[in-house]
Protein backbone atom coordinates (compact mmCIF):
# COMPACT_ATOMS: atom_id res chain seq x y z
CA UNK A 1 80.05 -8.60 -6.46
CA UNK A 2 78.10 -5.92 -4.56
CA UNK A 3 80.16 -2.80 -6.03
CA UNK A 4 79.70 -4.72 -9.46
CA UNK A 5 75.85 -4.64 -8.91
CA UNK A 6 75.81 -0.65 -7.59
CA UNK A 7 77.73 0.01 -11.07
CA UNK A 8 75.04 -1.45 -13.45
CA UNK A 9 72.56 0.41 -11.30
CA UNK A 10 74.27 3.34 -11.67
CA UNK A 11 75.01 2.97 -15.41
CA UNK A 12 70.90 2.46 -15.72
CA UNK A 13 70.45 5.70 -13.18
CA UNK A 14 72.89 7.91 -15.71
CA UNK A 15 71.45 6.99 -18.84
CA UNK A 16 68.15 7.92 -17.49
CA UNK A 17 68.75 11.24 -15.69
CA UNK A 18 67.69 14.23 -17.48
CA UNK A 19 69.59 17.54 -17.29
CA UNK A 20 68.67 19.91 -14.37
CA UNK A 21 67.30 16.90 -11.75
CA UNK A 22 68.15 17.79 -8.39
CA UNK A 23 68.34 15.59 -4.98
CA UNK A 24 65.74 17.04 -2.69
CA UNK A 25 65.46 14.64 -0.23
CA UNK A 26 66.46 11.38 0.57
CA UNK A 27 64.40 8.57 2.45
CA UNK A 28 65.01 4.78 3.53
CA UNK A 29 62.35 2.20 2.55
CA UNK A 30 62.21 -1.68 3.81
CA UNK A 31 63.09 -1.69 7.11
CA UNK A 32 61.09 -3.62 9.64
CA UNK A 33 62.56 -4.15 13.21
CA UNK A 34 65.50 -1.94 12.26
CA UNK A 35 65.35 2.14 12.33
CA UNK A 36 65.72 3.66 8.89
CA UNK A 37 67.87 6.33 10.93
CA UNK A 38 70.49 3.52 11.30
CA UNK A 39 70.64 3.52 7.53
CA UNK A 40 70.49 7.29 6.66
CA UNK A 41 73.44 7.60 9.31
CA UNK A 42 75.90 6.04 6.71
CA UNK A 43 74.60 7.92 3.81
CA UNK A 44 77.06 10.61 2.87
CA UNK A 45 75.25 11.82 -0.39
CA UNK A 46 73.79 15.25 0.33
CA UNK A 47 70.48 17.31 -0.58
CA UNK A 48 70.33 19.98 -2.85
CA UNK A 49 73.94 18.26 -5.35
CA UNK A 50 72.97 17.45 -8.90
CA UNK A 51 71.51 14.08 -9.37
CA UNK A 52 73.76 13.24 -12.87
CA UNK A 53 77.02 14.39 -11.67
CA UNK A 54 79.77 11.45 -11.82
CA UNK A 55 80.68 12.91 -8.00
CA UNK A 56 76.93 12.22 -7.12
CA UNK A 57 76.65 8.39 -8.79
CA UNK A 58 80.17 7.56 -7.27
CA UNK A 59 78.68 8.88 -3.61
CA UNK A 60 75.51 7.26 -3.77
CA UNK A 61 77.63 4.15 -4.83
CA UNK A 62 79.41 4.36 -1.80
CA UNK A 63 76.34 4.68 0.70
CA UNK A 64 75.06 1.26 -1.02
CA UNK A 65 78.34 -0.42 -0.02
CA UNK A 66 78.09 1.03 3.30
CA UNK A 67 74.87 -0.09 3.82
CA UNK A 68 75.94 -3.83 2.83
CA UNK A 69 78.48 -2.98 5.52
CA UNK A 70 76.23 -2.81 7.99
CA UNK A 71 75.41 -6.81 8.25
CA UNK A 72 71.57 -6.52 8.47
CA UNK A 73 70.28 -6.16 4.64
CA UNK A 74 71.01 -8.22 1.78
CA UNK A 75 73.03 -7.00 -0.43
CA UNK A 76 71.17 -8.49 -3.63
CA UNK A 77 67.93 -6.53 -3.02
CA UNK A 78 69.62 -3.29 -1.98
CA UNK A 79 68.39 -0.64 -4.70
CA UNK A 80 67.67 2.78 -5.30
CA UNK A 81 64.83 4.49 -6.82
CA UNK A 82 64.15 8.51 -7.94
CA UNK A 83 60.90 9.91 -7.60
CA UNK A 84 59.39 13.34 -7.76
CA UNK A 85 59.30 15.97 -10.20
CA UNK A 86 61.22 16.21 -13.19
CA UNK A 87 63.75 19.28 -11.83
CA UNK A 88 63.26 17.94 -8.08
CA UNK A 89 63.77 14.62 -6.82
CA UNK A 90 63.39 12.24 -3.77
CA UNK A 91 66.50 9.49 -3.54
CA UNK A 92 64.54 6.12 -2.03
CA UNK A 93 67.79 3.73 -0.60
CA UNK A 94 65.35 0.31 -0.41
CA UNK A 95 66.64 -2.27 1.24
CA UNK A 96 65.37 -5.77 2.58
CA UNK A 97 66.43 -7.02 6.20
CA UNK A 98 68.14 -10.37 7.22
CA UNK A 99 65.76 -12.65 9.10
CA UNK A 100 66.25 -11.42 12.77
CA UNK A 101 65.26 -14.58 15.19
CA UNK A 102 62.18 -13.11 17.14
CA UNK A 103 61.53 -16.57 19.20
CA UNK A 104 63.10 -20.14 20.17
CA UNK A 105 61.23 -22.84 21.26
CA UNK A 106 62.03 -26.33 22.14
CA UNK A 107 60.30 -29.84 22.57
CA UNK A 108 61.07 -33.41 22.92
CA UNK A 109 61.23 -35.56 19.78
CA UNK A 110 62.53 -38.65 18.87
CA UNK A 111 64.98 -37.40 17.18
CA UNK A 112 66.62 -33.91 16.41
CA UNK A 113 64.82 -31.38 14.48
CA UNK A 114 65.58 -27.70 13.63
CA UNK A 115 62.65 -25.74 11.45
CA UNK A 116 62.49 -22.06 10.58
CA UNK A 117 59.57 -19.94 10.46
CA UNK A 118 59.50 -16.86 9.38
CA UNK A 119 57.04 -14.25 9.95
CA UNK A 120 57.00 -10.63 9.75
CA UNK A 121 58.60 -10.12 13.19
CA UNK A 122 61.61 -12.08 11.67
CA UNK A 123 62.46 -15.63 12.05
CA UNK A 124 60.72 -18.69 14.99
CA UNK A 125 63.47 -21.47 15.39
CA UNK A 126 61.93 -24.37 16.52
CA UNK A 127 64.21 -27.26 17.75
CA UNK A 128 63.01 -30.64 18.74
CA UNK A 129 65.65 -32.46 20.88
CA UNK A 130 65.99 -36.31 22.48
CA UNK A 131 68.14 -35.54 25.40
CA UNK A 132 68.85 -39.32 25.79
CA UNK A 133 70.11 -40.33 29.41
CA UNK A 134 72.36 -38.61 31.26
CA UNK A 135 75.59 -40.64 31.88
CA UNK A 136 76.99 -41.06 35.32
CA UNK A 137 81.23 -40.87 35.88
CA UNK A 138 82.57 -43.74 36.38
CA UNK A 139 86.33 -42.71 36.42
CA UNK A 140 88.64 -40.45 35.42
CA UNK A 141 91.99 -41.18 33.77
CA UNK A 142 95.35 -39.62 32.75
CA UNK A 143 97.32 -40.90 29.54
CA UNK A 144 101.11 -39.62 28.63
CA UNK A 145 101.71 -37.53 32.30
CA UNK A 146 105.07 -39.05 33.17
CA UNK A 147 105.86 -35.39 35.85
CA UNK A 148 102.89 -35.55 37.74
CA UNK A 149 101.22 -38.72 39.11
CA UNK A 150 97.37 -39.09 38.41
CA UNK A 151 96.25 -38.59 42.07
CA UNK A 152 98.75 -34.95 42.31
CA UNK A 153 96.70 -33.74 38.61
CA UNK A 154 93.31 -34.97 40.16
CA UNK A 155 93.66 -32.44 43.13
CA UNK A 156 93.24 -29.49 40.16
CA UNK A 157 90.25 -30.58 38.42
CA UNK A 158 86.82 -30.81 38.74
CA UNK A 159 85.65 -33.89 37.05
CA UNK A 160 85.98 -36.91 39.51
CA UNK A 161 83.62 -39.11 40.34
CA UNK A 162 82.25 -39.82 43.71
CA UNK A 163 83.29 -42.59 45.69
CA UNK A 164 79.82 -44.10 47.03
CA UNK A 165 77.82 -45.10 44.17
CA UNK A 166 74.29 -43.60 45.06
CA UNK A 167 76.02 -40.27 44.90
CA UNK A 168 78.03 -40.46 41.49
CA UNK A 169 78.22 -37.31 39.69
CA UNK A 170 76.70 -36.58 35.91
CA UNK A 171 79.13 -36.17 33.51
CA UNK A 172 79.81 -32.45 32.60
CA UNK A 173 81.11 -31.56 29.19
CA UNK A 174 81.28 -27.92 30.26
CA UNK A 175 83.30 -29.15 33.40
CA UNK A 176 85.39 -31.12 31.29
CA UNK A 177 86.67 -28.42 28.93
CA UNK A 178 87.03 -25.93 32.07
CA UNK A 179 89.41 -28.83 33.66
CA UNK A 180 91.63 -29.10 30.17
CA UNK A 181 92.08 -25.29 30.49
CA UNK A 182 93.05 -26.02 34.73
CA UNK A 183 95.34 -28.63 33.88
CA UNK A 184 97.13 -26.70 30.97
CA UNK A 185 97.52 -24.06 33.47
CA UNK A 186 99.05 -26.52 36.03
CA UNK A 187 101.96 -27.27 33.61
CA UNK A 188 102.68 -23.94 32.83
CA UNK A 189 103.29 -22.95 36.44
CA UNK A 190 105.49 -25.36 36.73
CA UNK A 191 108.02 -24.61 33.91
CA UNK A 192 106.38 -26.67 30.93
CA UNK A 193 105.74 -24.24 27.93
CA UNK A 194 104.92 -26.54 25.53
CA UNK A 195 102.02 -28.87 27.40
CA UNK A 196 99.13 -29.79 25.82
CA UNK A 197 95.89 -31.26 26.93
CA UNK A 198 93.64 -32.50 25.40
CA UNK A 199 89.98 -34.89 25.66
CA UNK A 200 91.40 -38.62 25.54
CA UNK A 201 89.06 -41.43 25.25
CA UNK A 202 85.78 -42.20 26.29
CA UNK A 203 83.86 -45.36 26.99
CA UNK A 204 80.68 -46.61 28.22
CA UNK A 205 80.43 -48.91 30.59
CA UNK A 206 78.03 -50.81 33.20
CA UNK A 207 75.35 -51.42 30.43
CA UNK A 208 76.16 -48.14 28.78
CA UNK A 209 75.05 -46.18 32.14
CA UNK A 210 78.56 -44.71 33.33
CA UNK A 211 81.30 -43.61 31.62
CA UNK A 212 85.17 -43.44 31.58
CA UNK A 213 86.99 -40.45 30.46
CA UNK A 214 90.55 -39.75 30.15
CA UNK A 215 92.94 -36.58 29.27
CA UNK A 216 95.43 -36.87 26.47
CA UNK A 217 98.80 -35.04 27.73
CA UNK A 218 101.60 -34.08 26.28
CA UNK A 219 103.61 -32.48 28.60
CA UNK A 220 107.30 -31.62 26.44
CA UNK A 221 110.19 -30.70 28.28
CA UNK A 222 110.51 -28.40 31.73
CA UNK A 223 112.21 -25.39 31.29
CA UNK A 224 114.49 -22.98 33.29
CA UNK A 225 114.81 -18.87 33.10
CA UNK A 226 117.58 -17.90 31.00
CA UNK A 227 119.08 -14.72 30.11
CA UNK A 228 116.57 -11.59 30.50
CA UNK A 229 117.44 -9.44 27.68
CA UNK A 230 115.42 -5.69 27.61
CA UNK A 231 115.57 -3.68 24.48
CA UNK A 232 114.26 -0.13 23.75
CA UNK A 233 114.08 0.94 27.59
CA UNK A 234 115.89 4.22 28.61
CA UNK A 235 113.34 5.76 31.26
CA UNK A 236 114.05 3.12 33.53
CA UNK A 237 117.12 1.22 34.74
CA UNK A 238 117.74 -2.36 34.21
CA UNK A 239 117.33 -3.32 37.66
CA UNK A 240 114.24 -1.31 37.78
CA UNK A 241 112.77 -3.75 35.58
CA UNK A 242 114.27 -6.88 36.38
CA UNK A 243 113.01 -6.25 40.57
CA UNK A 244 109.38 -7.04 39.94
CA UNK A 245 110.36 -10.26 37.88
CA UNK A 246 110.08 -12.76 40.62
CA UNK A 247 111.41 -15.57 38.78
CA UNK A 248 114.59 -15.79 38.93
CA UNK A 249 117.13 -16.87 36.37
CA UNK A 250 118.10 -20.70 36.66
CA UNK A 251 114.13 -21.51 38.28
CA UNK A 252 111.48 -22.99 37.32
CA UNK A 253 110.17 -20.95 34.42
CA UNK A 254 106.66 -19.93 35.99
CA UNK A 255 104.19 -18.38 32.96
CA UNK A 256 101.40 -17.29 34.88
CA UNK A 257 103.50 -15.42 37.77
CA UNK A 258 106.15 -14.18 35.06
CA UNK A 259 102.58 -12.52 33.25
CA UNK A 260 101.67 -11.04 35.94
CA UNK A 261 105.42 -9.69 36.87
CA UNK A 262 105.33 -8.32 33.94
CA UNK A 263 101.99 -6.66 34.40
CA UNK A 264 103.78 -4.96 37.37
CA UNK A 265 106.48 -3.87 35.14
CA UNK A 266 103.75 -2.02 32.89
CA UNK A 267 102.50 0.28 36.28
CA UNK A 268 106.28 0.58 36.90
CA UNK A 269 105.72 3.22 32.82
CA UNK A 270 102.21 3.39 33.89
CA UNK A 271 102.49 5.49 37.44
CA UNK A 272 105.10 7.76 35.62
CA UNK A 273 102.78 8.81 32.96
CA UNK A 274 103.85 6.42 30.09
CA UNK A 275 100.25 4.69 29.74
CA UNK A 276 100.66 3.71 26.06
CA UNK A 277 104.08 1.90 26.85
CA UNK A 278 103.75 -1.49 24.85
CA UNK A 279 106.12 -4.22 26.31
CA UNK A 280 105.86 -7.16 23.84
CA UNK A 281 108.16 -10.22 25.67
CA UNK A 282 109.16 -12.98 23.78
CA UNK A 283 110.07 -16.59 25.25
CA UNK A 284 112.84 -18.24 23.52
CA UNK A 285 113.37 -21.82 24.34
CA UNK A 286 115.99 -24.60 23.76
CA UNK A 287 114.53 -27.93 23.82
CA UNK A 288 118.26 -29.34 24.30
CA UNK A 289 119.69 -27.69 27.18
CA UNK A 290 115.88 -27.03 29.20
CA UNK A 291 116.45 -23.42 29.38
CA UNK A 292 114.35 -20.57 28.45
CA UNK A 293 114.94 -16.69 27.40
CA UNK A 294 113.37 -14.08 27.88
CA UNK A 295 113.79 -11.17 25.42
CA UNK A 296 111.28 -7.81 26.59
CA UNK A 297 111.11 -5.06 23.76
CA UNK A 298 110.13 -2.06 25.45
CA UNK A 299 108.22 0.67 23.21
CA UNK A 300 108.11 3.55 25.82
CA UNK A 301 105.90 6.07 23.93
CA UNK A 302 105.42 9.24 25.25
CA UNK A 303 104.54 10.67 28.76
CA UNK A 304 101.26 11.99 29.02
CA UNK A 305 99.41 14.39 31.21
CA UNK A 306 95.83 14.77 32.03
CA UNK A 307 93.81 17.38 29.98
CA UNK A 308 90.17 17.03 31.26
CA UNK A 309 87.52 14.35 32.58
CA UNK A 310 84.40 14.06 31.40
CA UNK A 311 81.88 12.06 33.15
CA UNK A 312 79.24 10.22 31.57
CA UNK A 313 75.81 8.03 33.45
CA UNK A 314 75.32 4.78 31.25
CA UNK A 315 72.93 2.25 31.18
CA UNK A 316 73.21 -1.67 30.14
CA UNK A 317 71.12 -3.37 27.94
CA UNK A 318 70.56 -7.07 27.76
CA UNK A 319 73.01 -7.65 25.06
CA UNK A 320 75.56 -5.72 27.34
CA UNK A 321 76.11 -2.67 25.26
CA UNK A 322 75.66 0.72 26.91
CA UNK A 323 73.88 3.73 26.60
CA UNK A 324 73.85 7.07 27.88
CA UNK A 325 71.72 8.03 31.09
CA UNK A 326 71.37 11.31 32.82
CA UNK A 327 73.17 10.70 36.52
CA UNK A 328 71.33 11.74 39.55
CA UNK A 329 74.45 11.97 41.51
CA UNK A 330 76.39 15.55 40.68
CA UNK A 331 79.56 15.94 39.13
CA UNK A 332 81.07 17.26 41.86
CA UNK A 333 80.40 14.17 44.17
CA UNK A 334 82.37 12.43 41.69
CA UNK A 335 84.84 15.00 41.00
CA UNK A 336 86.22 15.56 44.78
CA UNK A 337 87.36 12.29 44.94
CA UNK A 338 89.49 13.14 42.00
CA UNK A 339 93.37 12.38 42.70
CA UNK A 340 94.47 14.16 39.78
CA UNK A 341 94.02 17.67 38.49
CA UNK A 342 94.21 19.11 35.22
CA UNK A 343 97.74 19.44 33.69
CA UNK A 344 99.23 16.95 36.01
CA UNK A 345 101.57 13.71 34.78
CA UNK A 346 98.84 10.61 34.49
CA UNK A 347 99.96 8.84 36.97
CA UNK A 348 97.94 5.70 37.05
CA UNK A 349 98.12 5.09 40.14
CA UNK A 350 96.58 7.81 41.04
CA UNK A 351 93.61 6.70 38.88
CA UNK A 352 93.58 3.59 40.43
CA UNK A 353 93.29 5.11 43.75
CA UNK A 354 90.60 7.57 42.38
CA UNK A 355 88.27 4.03 41.17
CA UNK A 356 88.80 2.42 44.86
CA UNK A 357 87.19 5.71 46.12
CA UNK A 358 84.35 5.95 44.08
CA UNK A 359 84.07 1.95 44.58
CA UNK A 360 83.60 2.68 48.54
CA UNK A 361 80.68 5.78 47.76
CA UNK A 362 78.38 2.43 46.89
CA UNK A 363 76.99 4.80 44.30
CA UNK A 364 78.19 2.74 41.45
CA UNK A 365 77.73 -0.57 39.85
CA UNK A 366 80.91 -2.80 40.15
CA UNK A 367 81.83 -5.64 38.26
CA UNK A 368 81.07 -9.11 39.38
CA UNK A 369 83.85 -11.33 41.25
CA UNK A 370 86.41 -8.57 40.77
CA UNK A 371 88.76 -8.08 43.48
CA UNK A 372 89.71 -5.73 44.50
CA UNK A 373 86.40 -4.05 43.02
CA UNK A 374 86.13 -2.10 40.42
CA UNK A 375 83.76 0.11 38.35
CA UNK A 376 81.73 -1.96 36.51
CA UNK A 377 82.76 0.35 33.13
CA UNK A 378 85.66 2.81 34.62
CA UNK A 379 88.24 4.69 33.08
CA UNK A 380 88.69 5.09 29.66
CA UNK A 381 91.75 6.64 28.15
CA UNK A 382 91.58 8.66 24.88
CA UNK A 383 95.11 10.19 23.98
CA UNK A 384 94.62 13.47 21.98
CA UNK A 385 96.33 13.43 18.68
CA UNK A 386 99.70 15.19 18.08
CA UNK A 387 100.29 16.18 21.73
CA UNK A 388 101.35 14.66 24.82
CA UNK A 389 97.80 15.12 26.37
CA UNK A 390 95.24 12.64 26.98
CA UNK A 391 91.29 12.95 28.31
CA UNK A 392 89.66 10.81 30.62
CA UNK A 393 85.95 9.16 29.88
CA UNK A 394 84.52 7.96 32.93
CA UNK A 395 81.56 6.20 32.67
CA UNK A 396 79.17 5.50 35.52
CA UNK A 397 76.56 3.26 35.96
CA UNK A 398 74.58 4.37 39.24
CA UNK A 399 73.42 1.43 41.34
CA UNK A 400 69.82 1.50 43.99
CA UNK A 401 70.96 3.46 47.08
CA UNK A 402 67.41 3.58 48.64
CA UNK A 403 65.63 1.41 51.14
CA UNK A 404 62.23 1.44 52.56
CA UNK A 405 60.85 -1.38 54.31
CA UNK A 406 57.07 -1.40 56.28
CA UNK A 407 56.19 -4.33 58.13
CA UNK A 408 54.77 -4.97 61.48
CA UNK A 409 54.69 -6.95 65.11
CA UNK A 410 52.65 -8.29 67.80
CA UNK A 411 54.39 -8.85 71.42
CA UNK A 412 52.28 -9.72 74.97
CA UNK A 413 53.70 -6.65 76.58
CA UNK A 414 53.55 -4.26 73.80
CA UNK A 415 50.43 -5.74 71.70
CA UNK A 416 50.26 -4.71 67.71
CA UNK A 417 52.94 -2.37 66.44
CA UNK A 418 53.63 -1.12 62.75
CA UNK A 419 56.64 -0.37 61.69
CA UNK A 420 58.39 1.75 59.06
CA UNK A 421 62.29 2.61 57.67
CA UNK A 422 63.45 4.67 54.89
CA UNK A 423 66.79 5.14 54.24
CA UNK A 424 69.19 6.78 51.47
CA UNK A 425 72.51 6.92 50.82
CA UNK A 426 72.81 9.25 48.01
CA UNK A 427 69.80 11.69 48.70
CA UNK A 428 69.32 14.29 46.33
CA UNK A 429 72.44 13.02 44.52
CA UNK A 430 74.91 15.23 46.86
CA UNK A 431 75.73 12.09 48.66
CA UNK A 432 74.14 12.88 51.75
CA UNK A 433 73.03 10.11 54.03
CA UNK A 434 69.37 9.97 56.00
CA UNK A 435 67.55 7.50 57.64
CA UNK A 436 63.68 7.71 58.89
CA UNK A 437 62.57 5.07 61.22
CA UNK A 438 58.93 4.54 62.85
CA UNK A 439 57.35 2.13 65.44
CA UNK A 440 53.83 2.76 66.29
CA UNK A 441 51.48 0.68 68.28
CA UNK A 442 48.85 0.95 71.29
CA UNK A 443 51.75 0.98 73.47
CA UNK A 444 54.67 2.04 72.58
CA UNK A 445 55.66 4.84 69.94
CA UNK A 446 59.20 5.56 68.68
CA UNK A 447 60.16 8.38 65.70
CA UNK A 448 63.85 8.87 64.52
CA UNK A 449 65.58 10.94 62.28
CA UNK A 450 69.29 10.83 61.08
CA UNK A 451 71.56 13.43 58.71
CA UNK A 452 74.95 12.74 57.59
CA UNK A 453 77.01 14.74 55.27
CA UNK A 454 80.24 13.70 54.22
CA UNK A 455 81.42 16.80 52.46
CA UNK A 456 80.27 19.89 54.94
CA UNK A 457 80.16 22.81 52.24
CA UNK A 458 82.28 20.42 49.66
CA UNK A 459 85.31 20.38 52.41
CA UNK A 460 86.71 17.28 54.41
CA UNK A 461 84.68 18.63 57.29
CA UNK A 462 81.67 16.15 58.05
CA UNK A 463 78.44 16.95 59.88
CA UNK A 464 75.97 14.39 61.50
CA UNK A 465 72.65 15.54 63.06
CA UNK A 466 69.91 13.05 64.70
CA UNK A 467 66.87 13.53 66.65
CA UNK A 468 64.61 11.11 68.22
CA UNK A 469 61.34 10.47 70.13
CA UNK A 470 60.06 7.51 72.25
CA UNK A 471 57.29 6.70 74.05
CA UNK A 472 56.07 3.17 75.91
CA UNK A 473 53.19 2.54 78.17
CA UNK A 474 52.55 -0.43 80.67
CA UNK A 475 55.18 -2.59 80.00
CA UNK A 476 54.61 -6.67 81.78
CA UNK A 477 50.88 -5.51 82.83
CA UNK A 478 51.99 -2.71 85.05
CA UNK A 479 50.90 0.99 84.75
CA UNK A 480 54.28 2.90 83.45
CA UNK A 481 54.76 4.97 80.81
CA UNK A 482 58.39 6.49 79.59
CA UNK A 483 58.88 9.38 77.30
CA UNK A 484 62.46 10.39 75.86
CA UNK A 485 62.83 13.42 73.69
CA UNK A 486 67.08 13.36 72.32
CA UNK A 487 69.37 14.51 69.65
CA UNK A 488 73.18 14.18 68.61
CA UNK A 489 74.89 16.36 66.81
CA UNK A 490 78.59 15.54 64.76
CA UNK A 491 81.30 17.17 63.69
CA UNK A 492 84.67 15.59 62.10
CA UNK A 493 87.41 15.90 59.55
CA UNK A 494 88.63 13.18 57.18
CA UNK A 495 92.29 12.83 57.46
CA UNK A 496 94.71 11.03 55.15
CA UNK A 497 95.97 7.43 55.25
CA UNK A 498 91.64 6.83 55.20
CA UNK A 499 90.84 8.00 59.06
CA UNK A 500 88.59 10.55 60.87
CA UNK A 501 88.77 13.04 63.62
CA UNK A 502 84.94 13.63 64.91
CA UNK A 503 83.49 15.02 67.82
CA UNK A 504 80.06 14.85 69.01
CA UNK A 505 77.84 15.96 71.59
CA UNK A 506 74.44 14.52 73.04
CA UNK A 507 71.36 15.93 74.74
CA UNK A 508 67.98 13.82 75.48
CA UNK A 509 65.26 14.48 78.02
CA UNK A 510 63.59 12.27 79.81
CA UNK A 511 60.44 11.65 81.81
CA UNK A 512 58.48 8.40 83.89
CA UNK A 513 55.28 7.95 85.46
CA UNK A 514 54.39 5.16 87.62
CA UNK A 515 50.99 4.96 88.80
CA UNK A 516 50.55 1.48 90.43
CA UNK A 517 53.55 -1.24 91.63
CA UNK A 518 52.08 -4.77 92.40
């Protein structure tokens, strides 16, 4: 439909164009919430070309199609106008945006309603909802299970009633759907490859205030692992590929464990530079014998070497999209953690070790809930077409590395005091760590400053400095004063296997004055 409309549009444009008309400027009109640059970015028609040429008309028609594919503009409202003098024309693409939801409102009502109010800023959706009563869970049952008892299955779900009436749980449908997946996972672990779990009957009881729910289960046969056939592998022997498989022939086929084993097989290739290896598993079950054969079709690809690494600072928007931001952390701070150099075979185990070291710096955001911890954005592989090389894009989102605290206190021994503390574990983006602390009162004063450099002159040597001053007067009502001044110097060297050798020296000077004792 879009192509027909654009064809008619340019048929009209062609008939009105005169000889010698040239495109002098391209503009976009009709945008409200979007950026006109977004439209200009997809327009391929160039300034300076003849407006009446067939090539230009085809280019403009394709531009309209590309604009419609942005899915932000109404394709039926797209049009083009030409303005300007007889010879120099301005080409204007006129668009109409789809309404954007600018606000969502909820209110109670006697029944569910939905209204849409369009404003200049977009559409305001208003939902009026009657929530109804919250149902308490009376009982949970299972239908169709023969391999496992109800009590066994209940151990693997969260949807279950409390024993005491007063503490009965509200029914949570979202959790119920998660429990369906959990039960299917449990069956897959025990060889029931065709098991399906679905929502069963629901029944209101006790004056329609409580709910009985059921899980419907179709178990299917239980399978054991049969033969394993490997096709397309030449880099590794059959025994090397079978070694990570912890499910042996004749054993119950634990599918989740097999999936993890296959990832270990991929790691064999990844750690030798075959990062693009494709291993396609196929399980062929025989319902009559209860045996499932495993076919592994391997496309090893090429062995890659590292060409270069691009380090980029990014931020994350509310919709989880990323955008470029300048990084405070210096590139060399990141680069010295790398286990690979340019030209090396792309051993992915060294990339994972590099990621572990970057995580341990605690300078960058990590994935929530990941174990072991991983960088939030991390490495992206970018193979170079026509070569056996690849680039790595490392996207890093910096986290807050500074800490500041201001407080106060009071004690009978020292009276009132104010304290201040400031720390930064990535000072000036150079991975320097320092802290400053001060505690000032009428009877006690202390100041300390420490500095630590984990890579002295960008080497594996470390150095640490610290100075402090402390003064205390009149402790416990006695006329007593103490003053201390000191410092520390330490030099160390990082050793392999996450160890460190360190030597330090310390010096302090103390003086006491006792005027009277009672």
